[in-house]
Amino acid sequence: MRNLLPIFTVVGLIVAVWYAAVAPMNIRSALDQLERSDHAVVPAGALERREVSVWYLLVNNPNQIAVTYDLERSRLPTPTQIGYELWKSTGEMLLRGKAMSKRSLLYHGWVTLQSTLWGFFLGTTVGVMGAIFIVYSRIVELSLMPWAIISQTIPIVALAPMIIVLSSQIGIESRGLPKAMISAYLCFFPVLVGLTKGLRSPALSQMDLLKTYNASSVQVFFKLRLPASVPFLFTSLKVGIAAALVGTIVGELPTGAISGLGARILIGDQFGNPLAIWAALFAAAIIAGILVTFLDLLQRFTLHQMGMRV
């Protein structure tokens, strides 16, 4: 409970602020809808209401504030509405035996998760190999690290369409591979930087001790550098897996895909369904939380087996 209390406190504050923001965000839409239903609102007329602040509308229409929390196509849905939409597209589908239906977020989440894991594997592999070369070669460090840093300044929303177009031109028909490449692009950098820092973390006295034992470079790597870098590596992996998920979702937006959480967000935007967008965003957050939690548990187990304090 001591560890969970701060988490619940922050979540409670976020939910409270969220509910407080619903009324001012939705009051204009609510009054428009009420006026079309022949209800009296102040001021009358959509053009007149656009010229005044939302606070004026709230003060002069106190009896209509409750309507802002029940709009079907609101600008800002309530957490309750989003939770119900999530249940309809996940739990209810699962109970009805339609978990892999294209209307189910479980199906779309699985499509996104597959590309995320492939991209995470590819990005982690590139990051680990790059870190090893950087640590053992000054030339590689001077030539590779600046380009790795520069690569992260390119906006992913600009790079994603380029990767997809180039992939189709060279004959890659599968949409999964370009998404994995975009995911790996965001994933490799934190792994590269974190592992480089970890491999260089042993103290000079420790390195000198192994030299006195006439240890080879391979023995120094496996007996000192690699064990010392494990905490750094897992921290980087937790950042990388979240970045990989973001990369996959961004990669789904310009492809015209009909499957995946990114596709659900795009379709919800095109059809003016904010609840579908928010439900997909929450599903992505839940997947990211599960993946990071799994890596955290794996880190605790690994460090415990290595005799380190967790």
C-alpha atoms as a PDB file:
ATOM      1  CA  MET A   1       0.000   0.000   0.000  1.00  0.00           C
ATOM      2  CA  ARG A   2       2.898   2.361   0.686  1.00  0.00           C
ATOM      3  CA  ASN A   3       3.968   2.015  -2.966  1.00  0.00           C
ATOM      4  CA  LEU A   4       0.429   2.120  -4.363  1.00  0.00           C
ATOM      5  CA  LEU A   5      -0.760   5.174  -2.426  1.00  0.00           C
ATOM      6  CA  PRO A   6       1.203   7.725  -4.516  1.00  0.00           C
ATOM      7  CA  ILE A   7      -0.032   6.072  -7.711  1.00  0.00           C
ATOM      8  CA  PHE A   8      -3.679   6.155  -6.606  1.00  0.00           C
ATOM      9  CA  THR A   9      -3.261   9.765  -5.451  1.00  0.00           C
ATOM     10  CA  VAL A  10      -1.948  10.894  -8.838  1.00  0.00           C
ATOM     11  CA  VAL A  11      -4.638   8.917 -10.692  1.00  0.00           C
ATOM     12  CA  GLY A  12      -7.318  10.424  -8.444  1.00  0.00           C
ATOM     13  CA  LEU A  13      -6.071  13.944  -9.151  1.00  0.00           C
ATOM     14  CA  ILE A  14      -6.013  13.287 -12.894  1.00  0.00           C
ATOM     15  CA  VAL A  15      -9.574  11.935 -12.839  1.00  0.00           C
ATOM     16  CA  ALA A  16     -10.791  14.891 -10.749  1.00  0.00           C
ATOM     17  CA  VAL A  17      -9.216  17.415 -13.131  1.00  0.00           C
ATOM     18  CA  TRP A  18     -10.601  15.446 -16.081  1.00  0.00           C
ATOM     19  CA  TYR A  19     -14.177  15.572 -14.771  1.00  0.00           C
ATOM     20  CA  ALA A  20     -13.777  19.273 -13.988  1.00  0.00           C
ATOM     21  CA  ALA A  21     -12.655  19.934 -17.568  1.00  0.00           C
ATOM     22  CA  VAL A  22     -15.567  18.079 -19.191  1.00  0.00           C
ATOM     23  CA  ALA A  23     -18.164  20.816 -18.628  1.00  0.00           C
ATOM     24  CA  PRO A  24     -16.216  23.753 -20.136  1.00  0.00           C
ATOM     25  CA  MET A  25     -15.003  21.591 -23.017  1.00  0.00           C
ATOM     26  CA  ASN A  26     -18.496  20.334 -23.941  1.00  0.00           C
ATOM     27  CA  ILE A  27     -20.779  23.222 -22.984  1.00  0.00           C
ATOM     28  CA  ARG A  28     -20.969  24.705 -26.493  1.00  0.00           C
ATOM     29  CA  SER A  29     -21.889  21.373 -28.085  1.00  0.00           C
ATOM     30  CA  ALA A  30     -24.414  20.677 -25.327  1.00  0.00           C
ATOM     31  CA  LEU A  31     -26.136  24.047 -25.752  1.00  0.00           C
ATOM     32  CA  ASP A  32     -26.251  23.616 -29.533  1.00  0.00           C
ATOM     33  CA  GLN A  33     -27.901  20.246 -29.087  1.00  0.00           C
ATOM     34  CA  LEU A  34     -30.384  21.576 -26.510  1.00  0.00           C
ATOM     35  CA  GLU A  35     -31.326  24.527 -28.716  1.00  0.00           C
ATOM     36  CA  ARG A  36     -32.085  22.185 -31.601  1.00  0.00           C
ATOM     37  CA  SER A  37     -34.394  20.318 -29.186  1.00  0.00           C
ATOM     38  CA  ASP A  38     -36.296  23.590 -28.464  1.00  0.00           C
ATOM     39  CA  HIS A  39     -34.768  24.147 -25.022  1.00  0.00           C
ATOM     40  CA  ALA A  40     -34.119  27.685 -23.821  1.00  0.00           C
ATOM     41  CA  VAL A  41     -30.408  28.514 -23.610  1.00  0.00           C
ATOM     42  CA  VAL A  42     -28.491  31.735 -22.934  1.00  0.00           C
ATOM     43  CA  PRO A  43     -27.562  33.340 -25.218  1.00  0.00           C
ATOM     44  CA  ALA A  44     -29.745  32.052 -28.035  1.00  0.00           C
ATOM     45  CA  GLY A  45     -28.024  31.373 -31.344  1.00  0.00           C
ATOM     46  CA  ALA A  46     -24.815  29.493 -32.069  1.00  0.00           C
ATOM     47  CA  LEU A  47     -23.072  32.597 -33.461  1.00  0.00           C
ATOM     48  CA  GLU A  48     -23.800  34.573 -30.291  1.00  0.00           C
ATOM     49  CA  ARG A  49     -22.455  31.767 -28.136  1.00  0.00           C
ATOM     50  CA  ARG A  50     -19.194  31.654 -30.069  1.00  0.00           C
ATOM     51  CA  GLU A  51     -18.514  35.281 -29.123  1.00  0.00           C
ATOM     52  CA  VAL A  52     -18.646  34.627 -25.362  1.00  0.00           C
ATOM     53  CA  SER A  53     -16.418  32.498 -23.136  1.00  0.00           C
ATOM     54  CA  VAL A  54     -17.297  29.039 -21.915  1.00  0.00           C
ATOM     55  CA  TRP A  55     -17.337  30.377 -18.354  1.00  0.00           C
ATOM     56  CA  TYR A  56     -20.109  32.808 -19.296  1.00  0.00           C
ATOM     57  CA  LEU A  57     -22.086  29.919 -20.788  1.00  0.00           C
ATOM     58  CA  LEU A  58     -21.603  27.794 -17.661  1.00  0.00           C
ATOM     59  CA  VAL A  59     -22.698  30.588 -15.316  1.00  0.00           C
ATOM     60  CA  ASN A  60     -25.787  31.443 -17.349  1.00  0.00           C
ATOM     61  CA  ASN A  61     -26.843  27.851 -18.032  1.00  0.00           C
ATOM     62  CA  PRO A  62     -26.326  26.041 -14.698  1.00  0.00           C
ATOM     63  CA  ASN A  63     -29.191  23.622 -15.288  1.00  0.00           C
ATOM     64  CA  GLN A  64     -27.641  22.410 -18.527  1.00  0.00           C
ATOM     65  CA  ILE A  65     -24.220  21.487 -17.128  1.00  0.00           C
ATOM     66  CA  ALA A  66     -25.305  17.884 -16.480  1.00  0.00           C
ATOM     67  CA  VAL A  67     -25.923  17.442 -20.210  1.00  0.00           C
ATOM     68  CA  THR A  68     -22.214  18.006 -20.921  1.00  0.00           C
ATOM     69  CA  TYR A  69     -21.428  14.717 -19.179  1.00  0.00           C
ATOM     70  CA  ASP A  70     -23.803  12.629 -21.338  1.00  0.00           C
ATOM     71  CA  LEU A  71     -23.055  13.728 -24.897  1.00  0.00           C
ATOM     72  CA  GLU A  72     -22.529  10.876 -27.359  1.00  0.00           C
ATOM     73  CA  ARG A  73     -20.071  12.827 -29.535  1.00  0.00           C
ATOM     74  CA  SER A  74     -18.470  15.120 -27.013  1.00  0.00           C
ATOM     75  CA  ARG A  75     -15.185  16.946 -27.445  1.00  0.00           C
ATOM     76  CA  LEU A  76     -13.963  15.459 -24.166  1.00  0.00           C
ATOM     77  CA  PRO A  77     -15.678  12.219 -23.028  1.00  0.00           C
ATOM     78  CA  THR A  78     -15.767  11.340 -19.347  1.00  0.00           C
ATOM     79  CA  PRO A  79     -13.617   8.480 -18.004  1.00  0.00           C
ATOM     80  CA  THR A  80     -16.855   6.574 -17.382  1.00  0.00           C
ATOM     81  CA  GLN A  81     -17.865   6.840 -21.039  1.00  0.00           C
ATOM     82  CA  ILE A  82     -14.414   5.740 -22.165  1.00  0.00           C
ATOM     83  CA  GLY A  83     -14.455   2.828 -19.722  1.00  0.00           C
ATOM     84  CA  TYR A  84     -17.834   1.673 -21.055  1.00  0.00           C
ATOM     85  CA  GLU A  85     -16.597   1.941 -24.644  1.00  0.00           C
ATOM     86  CA  LEU A  86     -13.517  -0.092 -23.703  1.00  0.00           C
ATOM     87  CA  TRP A  87     -15.719  -2.744 -22.108  1.00  0.00           C
ATOM     88  CA  LYS A  88     -17.967  -2.952 -25.168  1.00  0.00           C
ATOM     89  CA  SER A  89     -14.994  -3.402 -27.503  1.00  0.00           C
ATOM     90  CA  THR A  90     -13.007  -5.801 -25.283  1.00  0.00           C
ATOM     91  CA  GLY A  91     -14.708  -7.572 -22.388  1.00  0.00           C
ATOM     92  CA  GLU A  92     -18.137  -7.791 -23.984  1.00  0.00           C
ATOM     93  CA  MET A  93     -16.634  -9.042 -27.237  1.00  0.00           C
ATOM     94  CA  LEU A  94     -14.653 -11.641 -25.303  1.00  0.00           C
ATOM     95  CA  LEU A  95     -17.760 -12.901 -23.496  1.00  0.00           C
ATOM     96  CA  ARG A  96     -19.622 -13.152 -26.803  1.00  0.00           C
ATOM     97  CA  GLY A  97     -16.787 -15.168 -28.368  1.00  0.00           C
ATOM     98  CA  LYS A  98     -15.869 -12.386 -30.797  1.00  0.00           C
ATOM     99  CA  ALA A  99     -12.498 -11.416 -29.355  1.00  0.00           C
ATOM    100  CA  MET A 100     -10.875 -11.524 -32.812  1.00  0.00           C
ATOM    101  CA  SER A 101     -13.683  -9.640 -34.524  1.00  0.00           C
ATOM    102  CA  LYS A 102     -12.570  -6.545 -36.414  1.00  0.00           C
ATOM    103  CA  ARG A 103     -14.847  -4.537 -34.123  1.00  0.00           C
ATOM    104  CA  SER A 104     -12.872  -5.702 -31.104  1.00  0.00           C
ATOM    105  CA  LEU A 105      -9.965  -3.723 -29.660  1.00  0.00           C
ATOM    106  CA  LEU A 106      -8.450  -7.058 -28.644  1.00  0.00           C
ATOM    107  CA  TYR A 107      -7.973  -7.865 -32.318  1.00  0.00           C
ATOM    108  CA  HIS A 108      -6.598  -4.432 -33.178  1.00  0.00           C
ATOM    109  CA  GLY A 109      -4.385  -4.465 -30.097  1.00  0.00           C
ATOM    110  CA  TRP A 110      -2.956  -7.836 -31.130  1.00  0.00           C
ATOM    111  CA  VAL A 111      -2.163  -6.503 -34.632  1.00  0.00           C
ATOM    112  CA  THR A 112      -0.341  -3.519 -33.126  1.00  0.00           C
ATOM    113  CA  LEU A 113       1.407  -5.666 -30.522  1.00  0.00           C
ATOM    114  CA  GLN A 114       2.877  -7.995 -33.159  1.00  0.00           C
ATOM    115  CA  SER A 115       4.543  -5.153 -35.058  1.00  0.00           C
ATOM    116  CA  THR A 116       5.637  -3.588 -31.767  1.00  0.00           C
ATOM    117  CA  LEU A 117       7.419  -6.745 -30.636  1.00  0.00           C
ATOM    118  CA  TRP A 118       9.117  -7.194 -34.018  1.00  0.00           C
ATOM    119  CA  GLY A 119      10.224  -3.577 -34.008  1.00  0.00           C
ATOM    120  CA  PHE A 120      11.382  -3.859 -30.402  1.00  0.00           C
ATOM    121  CA  PHE A 121      13.444  -6.947 -31.237  1.00  0.00           C
ATOM    122  CA  LEU A 122      14.980  -5.275 -34.280  1.00  0.00           C
ATOM    123  CA  GLY A 123      15.654  -1.969 -32.509  1.00  0.00           C
ATOM    124  CA  THR A 124      17.108  -3.688 -29.454  1.00  0.00           C
ATOM    125  CA  THR A 125      19.413  -5.792 -31.619  1.00  0.00           C
ATOM    126  CA  VAL A 126      20.679  -2.725 -33.483  1.00  0.00           C
ATOM    127  CA  GLY A 127      21.066  -0.781 -30.224  1.00  0.00           C
ATOM    128  CA  VAL A 128      22.969  -3.557 -28.446  1.00  0.00           C
ATOM    129  CA  MET A 129      25.333  -4.171 -31.346  1.00  0.00           C
ATOM    130  CA  GLY A 130      25.911  -0.445 -31.786  1.00  0.00           C
ATOM    131  CA  ALA A 131      26.681   0.014 -28.087  1.00  0.00           C
ATOM    132  CA  ILE A 132      29.233  -2.802 -28.109  1.00  0.00           C
ATOM    133  CA  PHE A 133      31.003  -1.390 -31.179  1.00  0.00           C
ATOM    134  CA  ILE A 134      31.008   2.110 -29.665  1.00  0.00           C
ATOM    135  CA  VAL A 135      32.549   0.921 -26.394  1.00  0.00           C
ATOM    136  CA  TYR A 136      35.294  -1.076 -28.077  1.00  0.00           C
ATOM    137  CA  SER A 137      36.066   1.233 -30.995  1.00  0.00           C
ATOM    138  CA  ARG A 138      36.798   4.933 -30.730  1.00  0.00           C
ATOM    139  CA  ILE A 139      36.452   5.290 -34.496  1.00  0.00           C
ATOM    140  CA  VAL A 140      32.963   3.779 -34.448  1.00  0.00           C
ATOM    141  CA  GLU A 141      31.978   6.044 -31.577  1.00  0.00           C
ATOM    142  CA  LEU A 142      33.082   9.186 -33.393  1.00  0.00           C
ATOM    143  CA  SER A 143      31.366   8.125 -36.604  1.00  0.00           C
ATOM    144  CA  LEU A 144      28.203   6.418 -35.333  1.00  0.00           C
ATOM    145  CA  MET A 145      27.069   8.322 -32.240  1.00  0.00           C
ATOM    146  CA  PRO A 146      26.611  11.738 -33.926  1.00  0.00           C
ATOM    147  CA  TRP A 147      24.463  10.151 -36.629  1.00  0.00           C
ATOM    148  CA  ALA A 148      22.435   8.274 -34.035  1.00  0.00           C
ATOM    149  CA  ILE A 149      21.734  11.551 -32.228  1.00  0.00           C
ATOM    150  CA  ILE A 150      20.889  13.373 -35.459  1.00  0.00           C
ATOM    151  CA  SER A 151      18.488  10.600 -36.474  1.00  0.00           C
ATOM    152  CA  GLN A 152      16.315  11.333 -33.443  1.00  0.00           C
ATOM    153  CA  THR A 153      15.747  14.933 -34.553  1.00  0.00           C
ATOM    154  CA  ILE A 154      13.771  13.788 -37.621  1.00  0.00           C
ATOM    155  CA  PRO A 155      10.011  13.892 -36.862  1.00  0.00           C
ATOM    156  CA  ILE A 156       8.596  10.393 -36.994  1.00  0.00           C
ATOM    157  CA  VAL A 157       5.383  11.646 -38.637  1.00  0.00           C
ATOM    158  CA  ALA A 158       7.512  12.842 -41.566  1.00  0.00           C
ATOM    159  CA  LEU A 159       9.699   9.743 -41.711  1.00  0.00           C
ATOM    160  CA  ALA A 160       6.902   7.148 -41.514  1.00  0.00           C
ATOM    161  CA  PRO A 161       5.344   7.885 -44.948  1.00  0.00           C
ATOM    162  CA  MET A 162       8.808   7.868 -46.527  1.00  0.00           C
ATOM    163  CA  ILE A 163       9.578   4.411 -45.137  1.00  0.00           C
ATOM    164  CA  ILE A 164       6.223   3.076 -46.296  1.00  0.00           C
ATOM    165  CA  VAL A 165       6.620   4.498 -49.832  1.00  0.00           C
ATOM    166  CA  LEU A 166      10.193   3.213 -50.158  1.00  0.00           C
ATOM    167  CA  SER A 167       9.138  -0.212 -48.880  1.00  0.00           C
ATOM    168  CA  SER A 168       6.423  -0.497 -51.502  1.00  0.00           C
ATOM    169  CA  GLN A 169       8.800   0.618 -54.264  1.00  0.00           C
ATOM    170  CA  ILE A 170      11.329  -2.099 -53.465  1.00  0.00           C
ATOM    171  CA  GLY A 171       8.606  -4.748 -53.461  1.00  0.00           C
ATOM    172  CA  ILE A 172       7.771  -5.120 -49.771  1.00  0.00           C
ATOM    173  CA  GLU A 173       4.015  -5.697 -49.844  1.00  0.00           C
ATOM    174  CA  SER A 174       3.591  -6.572 -46.180  1.00  0.00           C
ATOM    175  CA  ARG A 175       2.477  -3.661 -44.022  1.00  0.00           C
ATOM    176  CA  GLY A 176       3.909  -5.280 -40.908  1.00  0.00           C
ATOM    177  CA  LEU A 177       7.572  -4.851 -41.875  1.00  0.00           C
ATOM    178  CA  PRO A 178       7.454  -1.062 -42.496  1.00  0.00           C
ATOM    179  CA  LYS A 179       5.640  -0.614 -39.184  1.00  0.00           C
ATOM    180  CA  ALA A 180       8.291  -2.698 -37.443  1.00  0.00           C
ATOM    181  CA  MET A 181      11.026  -0.586 -39.052  1.00  0.00           C
ATOM    182  CA  ILE A 182       9.396   2.623 -37.816  1.00  0.00           C
ATOM    183  CA  SER A 183       9.025   1.048 -34.384  1.00  0.00           C
ATOM    184  CA  ALA A 184      12.694  -0.005 -34.377  1.00  0.00           C
ATOM    185  CA  TYR A 185      13.735   3.519 -35.401  1.00  0.00           C
ATOM    186  CA  LEU A 186      12.281   4.931 -32.175  1.00  0.00           C
ATOM    187  CA  CYS A 187      13.400   1.984 -30.064  1.00  0.00           C
ATOM    188  CA  PHE A 188      17.088   1.614 -30.876  1.00  0.00           C
ATOM    189  CA  PHE A 189      18.322   4.981 -29.566  1.00  0.00           C
ATOM    190  CA  PRO A 190      17.469   4.595 -25.843  1.00  0.00           C
ATOM    191  CA  VAL A 191      18.939   1.077 -25.916  1.00  0.00           C
ATOM    192  CA  LEU A 192      22.091   2.336 -27.640  1.00  0.00           C
ATOM    193  CA  VAL A 193      22.647   5.177 -25.160  1.00  0.00           C
ATOM    194  CA  GLY A 194      21.681   3.205 -22.049  1.00  0.00           C
ATOM    195  CA  LEU A 195      23.793   0.159 -22.830  1.00  0.00           C
ATOM    196  CA  THR A 196      26.780   2.310 -23.803  1.00  0.00           C
ATOM    197  CA  LYS A 197      26.556   3.988 -20.419  1.00  0.00           C
ATOM    198  CA  GLY A 198      26.193   0.613 -18.707  1.00  0.00           C
ATOM    199  CA  LEU A 199      29.142  -1.001 -20.450  1.00  0.00           C
ATOM    200  CA  ARG A 200      31.321   1.925 -19.374  1.00  0.00           C
ATOM    201  CA  SER A 201      30.038   1.928 -15.785  1.00  0.00           C
ATOM    202  CA  PRO A 202      32.706  -0.368 -14.209  1.00  0.00           C
ATOM    203  CA  ALA A 203      35.241   1.549 -12.157  1.00  0.00           C
ATOM    204  CA  LEU A 204      38.817   1.875 -13.342  1.00  0.00           C
ATOM    205  CA  SER A 205      40.010  -0.123 -10.342  1.00  0.00           C
ATOM    206  CA  GLN A 206      37.802  -3.045 -11.401  1.00  0.00           C
ATOM    207  CA  MET A 207      39.201  -2.936 -14.914  1.00  0.00           C
ATOM    208  CA  ASP A 208      42.757  -2.848 -13.563  1.00  0.00           C
ATOM    209  CA  LEU A 209      42.047  -5.829 -11.314  1.00  0.00           C
ATOM    210  CA  LEU A 210      40.991  -7.965 -14.280  1.00  0.00           C
ATOM    211  CA  LYS A 211      44.084  -6.853 -16.178  1.00  0.00           C
ATOM    212  CA  THR A 212      46.269  -8.097 -13.334  1.00  0.00           C
ATOM    213  CA  TYR A 213      44.569 -11.475 -13.749  1.00  0.00           C
ATOM    214  CA  ASN A 214      45.487 -11.333 -17.451  1.00  0.00           C
ATOM    215  CA  ALA A 215      41.815 -11.440 -18.478  1.00  0.00           C
ATOM    216  CA  SER A 216      41.075 -11.192 -22.189  1.00  0.00           C
ATOM    217  CA  SER A 217      38.709  -8.624 -23.691  1.00  0.00           C
ATOM    218  CA  VAL A 218      36.006 -11.294 -24.015  1.00  0.00           C
ATOM    219  CA  GLN A 219      36.390 -12.256 -20.356  1.00  0.00           C
ATOM    220  CA  VAL A 220      36.268  -8.604 -19.283  1.00  0.00           C
ATOM    221  CA  PHE A 221      33.075  -8.160 -21.289  1.00  0.00           C
ATOM    222  CA  PHE A 222      31.213 -11.172 -19.913  1.00  0.00           C
ATOM    223  CA  LYS A 223      32.532 -11.064 -16.345  1.00  0.00           C
ATOM    224  CA  LEU A 224      32.493  -7.312 -15.699  1.00  0.00           C
ATOM    225  CA  ARG A 225      31.086  -5.036 -18.368  1.00  0.00           C
ATOM    226  CA  LEU A 226      27.947  -7.024 -19.215  1.00  0.00           C
ATOM    227  CA  PRO A 227      26.852  -7.743 -15.601  1.00  0.00           C
ATOM    228  CA  ALA A 228      27.437  -4.092 -14.668  1.00  0.00           C
ATOM    229  CA  SER A 229      25.321  -2.928 -17.612  1.00  0.00           C
ATOM    230  CA  VAL A 230      22.238  -5.044 -16.836  1.00  0.00           C
ATOM    231  CA  PRO A 231      20.413  -2.383 -14.733  1.00  0.00           C
ATOM    232  CA  PHE A 232      21.118   0.230 -17.422  1.00  0.00           C
ATOM    233  CA  LEU A 233      19.947  -2.146 -20.141  1.00  0.00           C
ATOM    234  CA  PHE A 234      16.601  -2.914 -18.497  1.00  0.00           C
ATOM    235  CA  THR A 235      15.930   0.776 -17.890  1.00  0.00           C
ATOM    236  CA  SER A 236      16.586   1.426 -21.575  1.00  0.00           C
ATOM    237  CA  LEU A 237      14.421  -1.512 -22.620  1.00  0.00           C
ATOM    238  CA  LYS A 238      11.452  -0.132 -20.673  1.00  0.00           C
ATOM    239  CA  VAL A 239      11.830   3.181 -22.466  1.00  0.00           C
ATOM    240  CA  GLY A 240      12.386   1.397 -25.764  1.00  0.00           C
ATOM    241  CA  ILE A 241       9.291  -0.812 -25.592  1.00  0.00           C
ATOM    242  CA  ALA A 242       7.076   2.224 -24.985  1.00  0.00           C
ATOM    243  CA  ALA A 243       8.748   4.061 -27.874  1.00  0.00           C
ATOM    244  CA  ALA A 244       8.313   0.993 -30.077  1.00  0.00           C
ATOM    245  CA  LEU A 245       4.568   0.984 -29.409  1.00  0.00           C
ATOM    246  CA  VAL A 246       4.325   4.672 -30.301  1.00  0.00           C
ATOM    247  CA  GLY A 247       6.272   4.026 -33.506  1.00  0.00           C
ATOM    248  CA  THR A 248       3.938   1.212 -34.519  1.00  0.00           C
ATOM    249  CA  ILE A 249       0.822   3.319 -33.967  1.00  0.00           C
ATOM    250  CA  VAL A 250       2.324   6.226 -35.929  1.00  0.00           C
ATOM    251  CA  GLY A 251       3.281   3.785 -38.674  1.00  0.00           C
ATOM    252  CA  GLU A 252      -0.325   2.619 -38.960  1.00  0.00           C
ATOM    253  CA  LEU A 253      -1.705   6.108 -39.589  1.00  0.00           C
ATOM    254  CA  PRO A 254      -0.395   6.852 -43.126  1.00  0.00           C
ATOM    255  CA  THR A 255      -0.744   3.301 -44.470  1.00  0.00           C
ATOM    256  CA  GLY A 256      -4.505   3.295 -44.910  1.00  0.00           C
ATOM    257  CA  ALA A 257      -4.578   0.188 -42.746  1.00  0.00           C
ATOM    258  CA  ILE A 258      -7.902  -1.071 -41.400  1.00  0.00           C
ATOM    259  CA  SER A 259      -6.363  -3.055 -38.552  1.00  0.00           C
ATOM    260  CA  GLY A 260      -4.405  -1.890 -35.530  1.00  0.00           C
ATOM    261  CA  LEU A 261      -4.895   0.738 -32.859  1.00  0.00           C
ATOM    262  CA  GLY A 262      -3.538   3.453 -35.145  1.00  0.00           C
ATOM    263  CA  ALA A 263      -6.141   2.507 -37.740  1.00  0.00           C
ATOM    264  CA  ARG A 264      -8.870   2.680 -35.080  1.00  0.00           C
ATOM    265  CA  ILE A 265      -7.724   6.172 -34.096  1.00  0.00           C
ATOM    266  CA  LEU A 266      -7.732   7.292 -37.737  1.00  0.00           C
ATOM    267  CA  ILE A 267     -11.151   5.766 -38.460  1.00  0.00           C
ATOM    268  CA  GLY A 268     -12.608   7.309 -35.311  1.00  0.00           C
ATOM    269  CA  ASP A 269     -11.303  10.709 -36.412  1.00  0.00           C
ATOM    270  CA  GLN A 270     -12.658  10.343 -39.938  1.00  0.00           C
ATOM    271  CA  PHE A 271     -16.140   9.348 -38.743  1.00  0.00           C
ATOM    272  CA  GLY A 272     -16.251  11.868 -35.902  1.00  0.00           C
ATOM    273  CA  ASN A 273     -16.320   9.301 -33.108  1.00  0.00           C
ATOM    274  CA  PRO A 274     -14.228  10.637 -30.206  1.00  0.00           C
ATOM    275  CA  LEU A 275     -15.075   7.656 -27.981  1.00  0.00           C
ATOM    276  CA  ALA A 276     -13.448   5.254 -30.455  1.00  0.00           C
ATOM    277  CA  ILE A 277     -10.310   7.436 -30.490  1.00  0.00           C
ATOM    278  CA  TRP A 278     -10.099   7.637 -26.697  1.00  0.00           C
ATOM    279  CA  ALA A 279     -10.780   3.909 -26.289  1.00  0.00           C
ATOM    280  CA  ALA A 280      -7.941   3.073 -28.708  1.00  0.00           C
ATOM    281  CA  LEU A 281      -5.621   5.475 -26.863  1.00  0.00           C
ATOM    282  CA  PHE A 282      -6.446   3.867 -23.529  1.00  0.00           C
ATOM    283  CA  ALA A 283      -5.964   0.402 -25.035  1.00  0.00           C
ATOM    284  CA  ALA A 284      -2.500   1.491 -26.220  1.00  0.00           C
ATOM    285  CA  ALA A 285      -1.702   2.832 -22.736  1.00  0.00           C
ATOM    286  CA  ILE A 286      -2.810  -0.457 -21.159  1.00  0.00           C
ATOM    287  CA  ILE A 287      -0.635  -2.469 -23.561  1.00  0.00           C
ATOM    288  CA  ALA A 288       2.342  -0.214 -22.821  1.00  0.00           C
ATOM    289  CA  GLY A 289       1.757  -0.615 -19.079  1.00  0.00           C
ATOM    290  CA  ILE A 290       1.634  -4.406 -19.383  1.00  0.00           C
ATOM    291  CA  LEU A 291       4.831  -4.531 -21.455  1.00  0.00           C
ATOM    292  CA  VAL A 292       6.749  -2.211 -19.122  1.00  0.00           C
ATOM    293  CA  THR A 293       5.502  -4.133 -16.073  1.00  0.00           C
ATOM    294  CA  PHE A 294       6.651  -7.413 -17.627  1.00  0.00           C
ATOM    295  CA  LEU A 295      10.125  -5.968 -18.244  1.00  0.00           C
ATOM    296  CA  ASP A 296      10.206  -4.611 -14.694  1.00  0.00           C
ATOM    297  CA  LEU A 297       9.388  -8.055 -13.268  1.00  0.00           C
ATOM    298  CA  LEU A 298      12.005  -9.606 -15.544  1.00  0.00           C
ATOM    299  CA  GLN A 299      14.525  -7.031 -14.319  1.00  0.00           C
ATOM    300  CA  ARG A 300      13.779  -7.839 -10.677  1.00  0.00           C
ATOM    301  CA  PHE A 301      14.123 -11.561 -11.313  1.00  0.00           C
ATOM    302  CA  THR A 302      17.361 -11.141 -13.281  1.00  0.00           C
ATOM    303  CA  LEU A 303      18.987  -8.848 -10.721  1.00  0.00           C
ATOM    304  CA  HIS A 304      17.918 -11.164  -7.899  1.00  0.00           C
ATOM    305  CA  GLN A 305      19.499 -14.132  -9.678  1.00  0.00           C
ATOM    306  CA  MET A 306      22.676 -12.084 -10.126  1.00  0.00           C
ATOM    307  CA  GLY A 307      22.764 -11.292  -6.409  1.00  0.00           C
ATOM    308  CA  MET A 308      22.091  -7.584  -6.868  1.00  0.00           C
ATOM    309  CA  ARG A 309      19.767  -5.531  -4.717  1.00  0.00           C
ATOM    310  CA  VAL A 310      16.403  -4.844  -6.324  1.00  0.00           C
END
